[in-house]
Amino acid sequence: MKTKIIALLLLISCSSIAQDKMITKTGSISFEASVPSFEEVKAKNSGVSCVLNTQTGEIASLALMKGFRFKVALMEEHFNENYVESDKFPKATFKGKIENFDISKITTTATNYTIKGKLELHGKVKDITISAKIKKGKDGMEIVSDFTVNTDDFDIEIPSVVSKKVTKKVNVRFEFVLK
């Protein structure tokens, strides 16, 4: 009897802890560094992990650099070997907090929130502040954001031979459905 009560208490405590976190392993991050009149420089990674602590609003995300897919295989190769040096810097991470986050106020109507944190990319860390839309969707809580990253902030060099074809101001979009 004592064992059953302890097992029941453990089960209840584990389930209440698990509800404090929402997660996805299939989030997406896309970016575009195209310049008008030149070939599109755009990629997407659909295997991005994200965890949200619903009690504190703390959020963390991880993207493997080799997970980005381009339309042109040669661009993907150059991205991994020459720009982000994926073998040396295999991942990008973000750790931050959603300001004034209260899960009880999330509805099916998207609301703008500010997220502040640290983005680590190419071995460099930068404080960033972004705006994100958050809402309840049919498959979970949806978080979507569009923001810009400057390649200079992360020591990502763009060779002079392609500098007119690739912008240093990279448009980034992430889409997460957390469950």
C-alpha atoms as a PDB file:
ATOM      1  CA  MET A   1       0.000   0.000   0.000  1.00  0.00           C
ATOM      2  CA  LYS A   2       2.803   2.389   0.934  1.00  0.00           C
ATOM      3  CA  THR A   3       4.543   1.654  -2.389  1.00  0.00           C
ATOM      4  CA  LYS A   4       1.361   2.431  -4.345  1.00  0.00           C
ATOM      5  CA  ILE A   5       0.959   5.794  -2.595  1.00  0.00           C
ATOM      6  CA  ILE A   6       4.591   6.746  -3.289  1.00  0.00           C
ATOM      7  CA  ALA A   7       4.247   5.695  -6.940  1.00  0.00           C
ATOM      8  CA  LEU A   8       1.039   7.737  -7.261  1.00  0.00           C
ATOM      9  CA  LEU A   9       2.709  10.816  -5.715  1.00  0.00           C
ATOM     10  CA  LEU A  10       5.696  10.470  -8.072  1.00  0.00           C
ATOM     11  CA  LEU A  11       3.373  10.166 -11.067  1.00  0.00           C
ATOM     12  CA  ILE A  12       1.414  13.266 -10.033  1.00  0.00           C
ATOM     13  CA  SER A  13       4.560  15.315  -9.394  1.00  0.00           C
ATOM     14  CA  CYS A  14       6.131  14.272 -12.723  1.00  0.00           C
ATOM     15  CA  SER A  15       3.014  15.174 -14.672  1.00  0.00           C
ATOM     16  CA  SER A  16       2.756  18.589 -13.016  1.00  0.00           C
ATOM     17  CA  ILE A  17       6.423  19.337 -13.769  1.00  0.00           C
ATOM     18  CA  ALA A  18       6.010  18.221 -17.385  1.00  0.00           C
ATOM     19  CA  GLN A  19       3.127  20.675 -17.849  1.00  0.00           C
ATOM     20  CA  ASP A  20       5.463  23.585 -17.079  1.00  0.00           C
ATOM     21  CA  LYS A  21       7.301  22.942 -20.342  1.00  0.00           C
ATOM     22  CA  MET A  22       6.113  23.014 -23.930  1.00  0.00           C
ATOM     23  CA  ILE A  23       8.375  21.695 -26.664  1.00  0.00           C
ATOM     24  CA  THR A  24       8.822  21.075 -30.359  1.00  0.00           C
ATOM     25  CA  LYS A  25      11.509  19.293 -32.340  1.00  0.00           C
ATOM     26  CA  THR A  26       9.989  20.214 -35.685  1.00  0.00           C
ATOM     27  CA  GLY A  27      10.116  23.994 -35.582  1.00  0.00           C
ATOM     28  CA  SER A  28      11.346  25.868 -38.606  1.00  0.00           C
ATOM     29  CA  ILE A  29      13.807  28.670 -39.146  1.00  0.00           C
ATOM     30  CA  SER A  30      14.231  30.197 -42.569  1.00  0.00           C
ATOM     31  CA  PHE A  31      16.471  32.999 -43.708  1.00  0.00           C
ATOM     32  CA  GLU A  32      16.985  35.086 -46.794  1.00  0.00           C
ATOM     33  CA  ALA A  33      20.079  37.068 -47.692  1.00  0.00           C
ATOM     34  CA  SER A  34      19.070  37.837 -51.274  1.00  0.00           C
ATOM     35  CA  VAL A  35      19.860  41.005 -53.174  1.00  0.00           C
ATOM     36  CA  PRO A  36      17.427  42.148 -55.893  1.00  0.00           C
ATOM     37  CA  SER A  37      18.350  41.156 -59.472  1.00  0.00           C
ATOM     38  CA  PHE A  38      20.546  38.251 -58.304  1.00  0.00           C
ATOM     39  CA  GLU A  39      19.931  34.601 -57.525  1.00  0.00           C
ATOM     40  CA  GLU A  40      17.842  33.903 -54.430  1.00  0.00           C
ATOM     41  CA  VAL A  41      19.896  33.171 -51.310  1.00  0.00           C
ATOM     42  CA  LYS A  42      17.354  31.464 -49.097  1.00  0.00           C
ATOM     43  CA  ALA A  43      17.272  28.379 -46.856  1.00  0.00           C
ATOM     44  CA  LYS A  44      15.043  26.587 -44.362  1.00  0.00           C
ATOM     45  CA  ASN A  45      15.655  24.223 -41.454  1.00  0.00           C
ATOM     46  CA  SER A  46      12.564  22.238 -40.362  1.00  0.00           C
ATOM     47  CA  GLY A  47      14.204  20.292 -37.549  1.00  0.00           C
ATOM     48  CA  VAL A  48      14.636  23.051 -34.989  1.00  0.00           C
ATOM     49  CA  SER A  49      14.080  22.335 -31.283  1.00  0.00           C
ATOM     50  CA  CYS A  50      12.432  24.822 -28.964  1.00  0.00           C
ATOM     51  CA  VAL A  51      11.465  24.610 -25.280  1.00  0.00           C
ATOM     52  CA  LEU A  52       9.279  27.076 -23.393  1.00  0.00           C
ATOM     53  CA  ASN A  53       8.876  27.186 -19.618  1.00  0.00           C
ATOM     54  CA  THR A  54       5.232  28.249 -19.336  1.00  0.00           C
ATOM     55  CA  GLN A  55       5.653  29.395 -15.733  1.00  0.00           C
ATOM     56  CA  THR A  56       8.585  31.768 -16.288  1.00  0.00           C
ATOM     57  CA  GLY A  57       8.423  32.608 -20.011  1.00  0.00           C
ATOM     58  CA  GLU A  58      11.992  31.375 -20.496  1.00  0.00           C
ATOM     59  CA  ILE A  59      12.555  30.055 -23.993  1.00  0.00           C
ATOM     60  CA  ALA A  60      15.445  28.210 -25.627  1.00  0.00           C
ATOM     61  CA  SER A  61      16.008  27.037 -29.174  1.00  0.00           C
ATOM     62  CA  LEU A  62      18.635  25.006 -31.014  1.00  0.00           C
ATOM     63  CA  ALA A  63      19.214  24.692 -34.767  1.00  0.00           C
ATOM     64  CA  LEU A  64      21.822  22.475 -36.374  1.00  0.00           C
ATOM     65  CA  MET A  65      23.521  24.458 -39.125  1.00  0.00           C
ATOM     66  CA  LYS A  66      23.733  21.485 -41.483  1.00  0.00           C
ATOM     67  CA  GLY A  67      19.932  21.258 -41.302  1.00  0.00           C
ATOM     68  CA  PHE A  68      19.442  24.302 -43.549  1.00  0.00           C
ATOM     69  CA  ARG A  69      18.325  23.357 -47.059  1.00  0.00           C
ATOM     70  CA  PHE A  70      18.825  25.529 -50.136  1.00  0.00           C
ATOM     71  CA  LYS A  71      17.346  25.188 -53.625  1.00  0.00           C
ATOM     72  CA  VAL A  72      20.890  25.057 -55.018  1.00  0.00           C
ATOM     73  CA  ALA A  73      23.183  22.372 -53.569  1.00  0.00           C
ATOM     74  CA  LEU A  74      26.304  24.455 -54.238  1.00  0.00           C
ATOM     75  CA  MET A  75      24.904  27.292 -52.091  1.00  0.00           C
ATOM     76  CA  GLU A  76      24.307  24.827 -49.274  1.00  0.00           C
ATOM     77  CA  GLU A  77      27.878  23.599 -49.558  1.00  0.00           C
ATOM     78  CA  HIS A  78      29.284  27.164 -49.518  1.00  0.00           C
ATOM     79  CA  PHE A  79      27.031  28.090 -46.589  1.00  0.00           C
ATOM     80  CA  ASN A  80      28.329  25.171 -44.499  1.00  0.00           C
ATOM     81  CA  GLU A  81      31.996  25.327 -45.527  1.00  0.00           C
ATOM     82  CA  ASN A  82      32.715  29.023 -46.092  1.00  0.00           C
ATOM     83  CA  TYR A  83      30.159  31.117 -44.237  1.00  0.00           C
ATOM     84  CA  VAL A  84      28.979  29.450 -41.002  1.00  0.00           C
ATOM     85  CA  GLU A  85      31.742  26.815 -40.909  1.00  0.00           C
ATOM     86  CA  SER A  86      29.340  24.106 -39.742  1.00  0.00           C
ATOM     87  CA  ASP A  87      32.053  21.607 -38.837  1.00  0.00           C
ATOM     88  CA  LYS A  88      33.615  24.104 -36.425  1.00  0.00           C
ATOM     89  CA  PHE A  89      30.327  25.732 -35.283  1.00  0.00           C
ATOM     90  CA  PRO A  90      27.657  23.029 -35.715  1.00  0.00           C
ATOM     91  CA  LYS A  91      24.736  24.796 -34.059  1.00  0.00           C
ATOM     92  CA  ALA A  92      23.011  28.079 -33.370  1.00  0.00           C
ATOM     93  CA  THR A  93      21.263  28.601 -30.042  1.00  0.00           C
ATOM     94  CA  PHE A  94      18.969  31.151 -28.500  1.00  0.00           C
ATOM     95  CA  LYS A  95      18.228  31.500 -24.788  1.00  0.00           C
ATOM     96  CA  GLY A  96      15.930  34.197 -23.552  1.00  0.00           C
ATOM     97  CA  LYS A  97      12.688  35.236 -21.971  1.00  0.00           C
ATOM     98  CA  ILE A  98       9.302  36.328 -23.274  1.00  0.00           C
ATOM     99  CA  GLU A  99       8.464  39.549 -21.445  1.00  0.00           C
ATOM    100  CA  ASN A 100       5.169  39.648 -19.526  1.00  0.00           C
ATOM    101  CA  PHE A 101       4.335  36.082 -20.575  1.00  0.00           C
ATOM    102  CA  ASP A 102       1.205  34.601 -18.981  1.00  0.00           C
ATOM    103  CA  ILE A 103       0.008  31.366 -20.533  1.00  0.00           C
ATOM    104  CA  SER A 104      -3.523  31.926 -19.203  1.00  0.00           C
ATOM    105  CA  LYS A 105      -3.809  35.012 -21.453  1.00  0.00           C
ATOM    106  CA  ILE A 106      -2.848  33.226 -24.686  1.00  0.00           C
ATOM    107  CA  THR A 107      -5.874  32.985 -27.000  1.00  0.00           C
ATOM    108  CA  THR A 108      -6.553  32.073 -30.619  1.00  0.00           C
ATOM    109  CA  THR A 109      -5.877  35.700 -31.537  1.00  0.00           C
ATOM    110  CA  ALA A 110      -2.177  36.422 -32.084  1.00  0.00           C
ATOM    111  CA  THR A 111      -0.684  38.848 -29.581  1.00  0.00           C
ATOM    112  CA  ASN A 112       2.670  40.628 -29.932  1.00  0.00           C
ATOM    113  CA  TYR A 113       5.286  39.855 -27.304  1.00  0.00           C
ATOM    114  CA  THR A 114       8.868  41.018 -26.856  1.00  0.00           C
ATOM    115  CA  ILE A 115      11.520  38.336 -26.492  1.00  0.00           C
ATOM    116  CA  LYS A 116      14.954  39.283 -25.145  1.00  0.00           C
ATOM    117  CA  GLY A 117      17.890  36.940 -25.023  1.00  0.00           C
ATOM    118  CA  LYS A 118      21.225  35.803 -26.353  1.00  0.00           C
ATOM    119  CA  LEU A 119      21.742  34.425 -29.848  1.00  0.00           C
ATOM    120  CA  GLU A 120      24.851  32.314 -30.320  1.00  0.00           C
ATOM    121  CA  LEU A 121      25.955  31.777 -33.902  1.00  0.00           C
ATOM    122  CA  HIS A 122      29.346  31.097 -35.471  1.00  0.00           C
ATOM    123  CA  GLY A 123      30.976  31.096 -32.029  1.00  0.00           C
ATOM    124  CA  LYS A 124      29.763  34.617 -31.180  1.00  0.00           C
ATOM    125  CA  VAL A 125      27.053  35.638 -28.708  1.00  0.00           C
ATOM    126  CA  LYS A 126      24.878  38.723 -29.177  1.00  0.00           C
ATOM    127  CA  ASP A 127      22.040  40.140 -27.092  1.00  0.00           C
ATOM    128  CA  ILE A 128      18.951  40.520 -29.253  1.00  0.00           C
ATOM    129  CA  THR A 129      15.419  41.788 -28.762  1.00  0.00           C
ATOM    130  CA  ILE A 130      12.731  40.608 -31.146  1.00  0.00           C
ATOM    131  CA  SER A 131       8.982  40.829 -31.495  1.00  0.00           C
ATOM    132  CA  ALA A 132       6.945  37.633 -31.822  1.00  0.00           C
ATOM    133  CA  LYS A 133       3.296  36.789 -32.371  1.00  0.00           C
ATOM    134  CA  ILE A 134       1.981  34.123 -29.999  1.00  0.00           C
ATOM    135  CA  LYS A 135      -1.406  32.385 -30.110  1.00  0.00           C
ATOM    136  CA  LYS A 136      -3.184  29.101 -29.451  1.00  0.00           C
ATOM    137  CA  GLY A 137      -3.469  27.059 -32.619  1.00  0.00           C
ATOM    138  CA  LYS A 138      -5.214  23.784 -33.353  1.00  0.00           C
ATOM    139  CA  ASP A 139      -1.974  21.809 -32.816  1.00  0.00           C
ATOM    140  CA  GLY A 140      -0.491  23.780 -29.903  1.00  0.00           C
ATOM    141  CA  MET A 141       0.870  27.202 -29.029  1.00  0.00           C
ATOM    142  CA  GLU A 142       2.226  28.992 -32.099  1.00  0.00           C
ATOM    143  CA  ILE A 143       5.151  31.412 -31.893  1.00  0.00           C
ATOM    144  CA  VAL A 144       6.184  33.277 -35.052  1.00  0.00           C
ATOM    145  CA  SER A 145       8.779  36.014 -35.495  1.00  0.00           C
ATOM    146  CA  ASP A 146      10.508  37.906 -38.277  1.00  0.00           C
ATOM    147  CA  PHE A 147      13.719  39.766 -37.498  1.00  0.00           C
ATOM    148  CA  THR A 148      17.061  40.769 -38.997  1.00  0.00           C
ATOM    149  CA  VAL A 149      20.551  39.541 -38.151  1.00  0.00           C
ATOM    150  CA  ASN A 150      23.729  41.297 -39.265  1.00  0.00           C
ATOM    151  CA  THR A 151      26.473  38.909 -40.438  1.00  0.00           C
ATOM    152  CA  ASP A 152      29.146  41.279 -39.095  1.00  0.00           C
ATOM    153  CA  ASP A 153      27.826  40.739 -35.534  1.00  0.00           C
ATOM    154  CA  PHE A 154      28.798  37.071 -35.812  1.00  0.00           C
ATOM    155  CA  ASP A 155      32.040  37.434 -37.782  1.00  0.00           C
ATOM    156  CA  ILE A 156      30.518  35.754 -40.835  1.00  0.00           C
ATOM    157  CA  GLU A 157      32.596  36.960 -43.753  1.00  0.00           C
ATOM    158  CA  ILE A 158      31.071  37.406 -47.168  1.00  0.00           C
ATOM    159  CA  PRO A 159      33.791  37.090 -49.827  1.00  0.00           C
ATOM    160  CA  SER A 160      34.218  40.160 -52.012  1.00  0.00           C
ATOM    161  CA  VAL A 161      33.528  38.095 -55.138  1.00  0.00           C
ATOM    162  CA  VAL A 162      29.887  37.622 -54.008  1.00  0.00           C
ATOM    163  CA  SER A 163      29.446  40.694 -51.805  1.00  0.00           C
ATOM    164  CA  LYS A 164      27.133  42.358 -54.343  1.00  0.00           C
ATOM    165  CA  LYS A 165      24.930  39.218 -54.474  1.00  0.00           C
ATOM    166  CA  VAL A 166      24.503  38.526 -50.737  1.00  0.00           C
ATOM    167  CA  THR A 167      23.318  41.033 -48.150  1.00  0.00           C
ATOM    168  CA  LYS A 168      24.849  41.350 -44.687  1.00  0.00           C
ATOM    169  CA  LYS A 169      21.367  42.088 -43.275  1.00  0.00           C
ATOM    170  CA  VAL A 170      19.798  38.626 -43.188  1.00  0.00           C
ATOM    171  CA  ASN A 171      16.024  38.313 -42.769  1.00  0.00           C
ATOM    172  CA  VAL A 172      15.193  35.490 -40.374  1.00  0.00           C
ATOM    173  CA  ARG A 173      11.811  33.893 -39.643  1.00  0.00           C
ATOM    174  CA  PHE A 174      11.015  31.231 -37.099  1.00  0.00           C
ATOM    175  CA  GLU A 175       7.804  29.291 -36.651  1.00  0.00           C
ATOM    176  CA  PHE A 176       7.275  27.016 -33.656  1.00  0.00           C
ATOM    177  CA  VAL A 177       4.224  24.992 -32.643  1.00  0.00           C
ATOM    178  CA  LEU A 178       4.815  23.957 -29.044  1.00  0.00           C
ATOM    179  CA  LYS A 179       2.954  21.116 -27.342  1.00  0.00           C
END
